[in-house]
Protein backbone atom coordinates (compact mmCIF):
# COMPACT_ATOMS: atom_id res chain seq x y z
CA THR A 1 172.90 126.27 103.72
CA GLU A 2 173.16 123.22 101.47
CA ALA A 3 171.32 121.16 104.08
CA MET A 4 168.56 123.77 104.30
CA ARG A 5 168.12 123.74 100.52
CA THR A 6 167.98 119.98 100.56
CA THR A 7 165.37 120.06 103.33
CA GLU A 8 163.36 122.66 101.45
CA ASN A 9 163.49 120.55 98.29
CA ILE A 10 162.26 117.54 100.20
CA LEU A 11 159.39 119.53 101.75
CA VAL A 12 158.47 120.99 98.38
CA GLN A 13 158.50 117.52 96.81
CA GLU A 14 156.30 116.13 99.60
CA MET A 15 153.82 118.96 99.21
CA THR A 16 153.85 118.47 95.43
CA ASP A 17 153.19 114.76 95.85
CA LYS A 18 150.31 115.45 98.25
CA VAL A 19 148.76 118.00 95.88
CA ASP A 20 149.16 115.63 92.93
CA GLY A 21 147.57 112.85 94.98
CA TRP A 22 144.67 115.06 95.99
CA ILE A 23 144.16 116.16 92.37
CA GLN A 24 144.17 112.56 91.15
CA ALA A 25 141.74 111.50 93.87
CA SER A 26 139.44 114.39 92.94
CA LYS A 27 139.56 113.37 89.29
CA ASN A 28 138.73 109.77 90.16
CA GLN A 29 135.85 110.87 92.36
CA LEU A 30 134.54 113.15 89.60
CA LYS A 31 134.70 110.30 87.06
CA MET A 32 132.81 108.03 89.44
CA MET A 33 130.11 110.69 90.01
CA ASN A 34 129.78 111.23 86.24
CA ARG A 35 129.41 107.50 85.68
CA GLU A 36 126.77 107.19 88.39
CA HIS A 37 124.92 110.19 86.95
CA LYS A 38 124.90 108.65 83.46
CA GLU A 39 123.60 105.36 84.83
CA ALA A 40 120.84 107.18 86.73
CA MET A 41 119.88 109.09 83.57
CA LYS A 42 119.73 105.86 81.56
CA GLU A 43 117.47 104.25 84.16
CA GLN A 44 115.22 107.30 84.15
CA GLU A 45 115.04 107.19 80.36
CA ARG A 46 114.02 103.53 80.50
CA GLN A 47 111.25 104.36 82.93
CA ILE A 48 110.06 107.21 80.70
CA GLN A 49 110.01 104.95 77.64
CA LEU A 50 108.04 102.31 79.54
CA ALA A 51 105.51 104.93 80.66
CA LYS A 52 105.19 106.17 77.06
CA GLN A 53 104.57 102.65 75.81
CA THR A 54 101.89 102.10 78.47
CA ARG A 55 100.20 105.39 77.60
CA LYS A 56 100.36 104.58 73.87
CA ARG A 57 98.80 101.17 74.46
CA MET A 58 96.00 102.67 76.55
CA LYS A 59 95.32 105.29 73.86
CA GLN A 60 95.16 102.54 71.24
CA GLU A 61 92.67 100.62 73.36
CA GLN A 62 90.60 103.78 73.70
CA VAL A 63 90.62 104.30 69.91
CA GLU A 64 89.56 100.68 69.36
CA TYR A 65 86.78 101.06 71.92
CA ILE A 66 85.48 104.22 70.20
CA ALA A 67 85.63 102.52 66.79
CA ALA A 68 83.69 99.54 68.16
CA ARG A 69 81.03 101.83 69.63
CA GLU A 70 80.68 103.71 66.33
CA LYS A 71 80.30 100.45 64.43
CA GLU A 72 77.67 99.24 66.88
CA ASN A 73 75.85 102.56 66.62
CA ARG A 74 75.76 102.22 62.84
CA GLN A 75 74.37 98.71 63.22
CA LEU A 76 71.72 99.96 65.62
CA GLU A 77 70.78 102.79 63.25
CA SER A 78 70.52 100.30 60.39
CA LEU A 79 68.30 98.05 62.47
CA GLU A 80 66.14 100.99 63.47
CA ARG A 81 65.69 101.88 59.78
CA ASP A 82 64.75 98.27 59.09
CA LEU A 83 62.21 98.41 61.89
CA LYS A 84 60.69 101.57 60.45
CA GLY A 85 60.46 99.91 57.05
CA ILE A 86 58.76 96.88 58.58
CA ARG A 87 56.24 99.07 60.37
CA ALA A 88 55.50 100.92 57.11
CA LYS A 89 54.89 97.63 55.31
CA LYS A 90 52.65 96.51 58.15
CA GLU A 91 50.49 99.61 57.73
CA THR A 92 50.34 99.60 53.91
CA LEU A 93 50.19 95.85 53.29
CA PRO A 94 47.68 94.30 55.68
CA ARG A 95 47.68 90.98 53.85
CA HIS A 96 51.38 90.61 54.66
CA LEU A 97 50.86 91.35 58.33
CA GLU A 98 51.94 87.96 59.58
CA ALA A 99 55.14 87.92 57.54
CA SER A 100 55.94 91.46 58.58
CA GLN A 101 55.34 90.59 62.22
CA ILE A 102 57.80 87.74 61.95
CA GLN A 103 60.41 90.03 60.44
CA LEU A 104 59.75 92.58 63.16
CA ASN A 105 60.23 90.00 65.87
CA GLU A 106 63.45 88.83 64.25
CA ALA A 107 64.70 92.39 64.02
CA LYS A 108 63.85 93.01 67.68
CA ARG A 109 65.62 89.84 68.68
CA ALA A 110 68.71 90.83 66.69
CA LEU A 111 68.58 94.31 68.19
CA GLY A 112 68.36 92.84 71.66
CA GLU A 113 71.35 90.59 70.98
CA ILE A 114 73.42 93.54 69.75
CA GLN A 115 72.40 95.66 72.73
CA ASN A 116 73.37 92.83 75.07
CA ALA A 117 76.71 92.46 73.30
CA VAL A 118 77.30 96.22 73.55
CA HIS A 119 76.44 96.16 77.25
CA LYS A 120 78.79 93.25 77.90
CA GLN A 121 81.63 94.92 76.01
CA GLU A 122 81.09 98.22 77.82
CA LYS A 123 81.08 96.44 81.16
CA SER A 124 84.24 94.52 80.27
CA LEU A 125 86.04 97.68 79.17
CA GLU A 126 84.89 99.59 82.25
CA THR A 127 86.11 96.75 84.49
CA ARG A 128 89.45 96.68 82.73
CA SER A 129 89.79 100.46 82.94
CA THR A 130 88.98 100.36 86.66
CA GLU A 131 91.59 97.66 87.23
CA LEU A 132 94.18 99.65 85.30
CA ASN A 133 93.45 102.79 87.29
CA LYS A 134 93.63 100.88 90.56
CA ALA A 135 96.91 99.33 89.53
CA LEU A 136 98.44 102.65 88.45
CA LYS A 137 97.36 104.24 91.72
CA LEU A 138 98.73 101.40 93.80
CA TYR A 139 101.92 100.77 91.81
CA GLY A 140 103.42 104.14 92.64
CA ASP A 141 105.97 105.51 94.98
CA ALA A 142 104.21 104.00 97.99
CA LEU A 143 105.26 100.52 96.88
CA GLY A 144 108.51 101.63 95.26
CA LEU A 145 107.41 99.69 92.17
CA THR A 146 108.38 100.19 88.54
CA PHE A 147 107.79 98.12 85.41
CA GLN A 148 110.26 97.05 82.76
CA GLN A 149 109.79 95.18 79.48
CA GLY A 150 111.26 91.73 79.92
CA PRO A 151 112.24 89.10 77.35
CA ALA A 152 109.66 87.25 75.26
CA GLY A 153 106.89 89.72 76.05
CA CYS A 154 106.94 89.36 79.83
CA ILE A 155 106.77 92.25 82.30
CA ARG A 156 109.37 92.72 85.02
CA PHE A 157 108.03 94.05 88.35
CA VAL A 158 110.89 95.85 90.17
CA PHE A 159 110.52 96.78 93.85
CA THR A 160 112.65 99.05 96.04
CA HIS A 161 112.06 100.43 99.57
CA ILE A 162 111.74 96.88 100.92
CA ASP A 163 115.02 96.14 102.70
CA PRO A 164 115.23 98.45 105.77
CA ARG A 165 119.01 98.24 105.58
CA ASP A 166 119.18 99.23 101.92
CA HIS A 167 116.14 101.04 100.49
CA GLN A 168 117.60 101.01 96.96
CA ARG A 169 118.08 97.24 96.87
CA ARG A 170 116.15 95.80 93.90
CA PHE A 171 113.72 92.90 94.23
CA TYR A 172 112.03 91.70 91.05
CA PHE A 173 110.03 89.01 89.32
CA GLU A 174 109.03 88.52 85.70
CA LEU A 175 105.42 87.65 84.85
CA PHE A 176 103.86 86.57 81.57
CA ARG A 177 100.53 85.11 80.57
CA THR A 178 99.79 82.24 78.25
CA GLU A 179 96.34 81.36 76.93
CA ALA A 180 95.87 79.04 79.91
CA CYS A 181 97.48 80.74 82.91
CA TYR A 182 99.94 83.21 84.42
CA GLN A 183 103.57 82.16 84.90
CA VAL A 184 106.59 83.61 86.73
CA SER A 185 109.79 83.20 84.73
CA GLN A 186 112.35 84.78 87.10
CA CYS A 187 112.36 85.86 90.73
CA GLN A 188 115.22 87.55 92.60
CA PRO A 189 115.82 86.90 95.42
CA PRO A 190 114.19 83.45 95.21
CA ILE A 191 110.97 83.14 97.27
CA ASP A 192 108.12 80.63 97.46
CA TYR A 193 105.41 82.35 95.40
CA SER A 194 103.32 79.22 94.74
CA ARG A 195 100.33 80.32 96.87
CA PRO A 196 100.02 83.86 95.45
CA LEU A 197 100.38 82.48 91.91
CA GLU A 198 97.66 79.89 92.55
CA ALA A 199 95.37 82.64 93.85
CA LEU A 200 96.12 84.75 90.76
CA GLN A 201 95.08 81.91 88.45
CA ALA A 202 91.76 81.67 90.29
CA THR A 203 90.91 85.37 90.79
CA LYS A 204 92.88 87.17 88.03
CA ASP A 205 93.47 89.88 90.70
CA LEU A 206 96.88 91.22 89.62
CA SER A 207 96.89 93.97 92.26
CA LYS A 208 96.52 91.48 95.11
CA PHE A 209 99.19 89.23 93.59
CA THR A 210 101.65 92.14 93.36
CA CYS A 211 101.06 93.08 97.02
CA SER A 212 101.52 89.43 98.08
CA MET A 213 104.84 89.20 96.21
CA ARG A 214 106.04 92.42 97.85
CA LYS A 215 105.13 91.04 101.27
CA LEU A 216 107.10 87.86 100.57
CA PHE A 217 110.10 89.94 99.53
CA GLN A 218 109.81 91.90 102.79
CA GLU A 219 109.71 88.70 104.82
CA SER A 220 112.84 87.45 103.06
CA CYS A 221 114.78 90.37 104.58
CA TYR A 222 114.35 89.07 108.13
């Protein structure tokens, strides 16, 4: 009987130890899952903040563009009023016809210069808007690309879905622009990006440069 009780105590202790071990393992696993969830939420929040900043910047550019157009419209209206005044003087003051004609020609020339400036600015803004839309369309889930604010005003381009053995592996480079040229400050893993960077300096085609860098990252996996 004493031996049976001893055996039962041993079995009970073993079962208790197993249950305690399972409970501890479950707690550890739950802590790890909570930590991973928090990290994922932080990363998502960073992406949301970056998207908000991009949207805010684009809205600001739109506001500036509208303000510039309104200012130019006011200038055009002012010039049109001046032209009307010149025509009135031409009709009522024949003896000042030559002087009025000179003023009219000057006003037309100024109007033409402003219209040309407006056209150039509109074309520049339309080109920039088109490039931004192309970039936003291309830099989506298909490329596994996100953007992060890097140090000293540079932008970090972060790729995933490149390594076939680990789709979540991060590949990135940091790009910034000086008054003279584009420069890459960091690149992980290291690759030879000299040719794409040279092409970027010549063409200013950021979309093509991004695709070239992604291709080089892909080649580094083999």
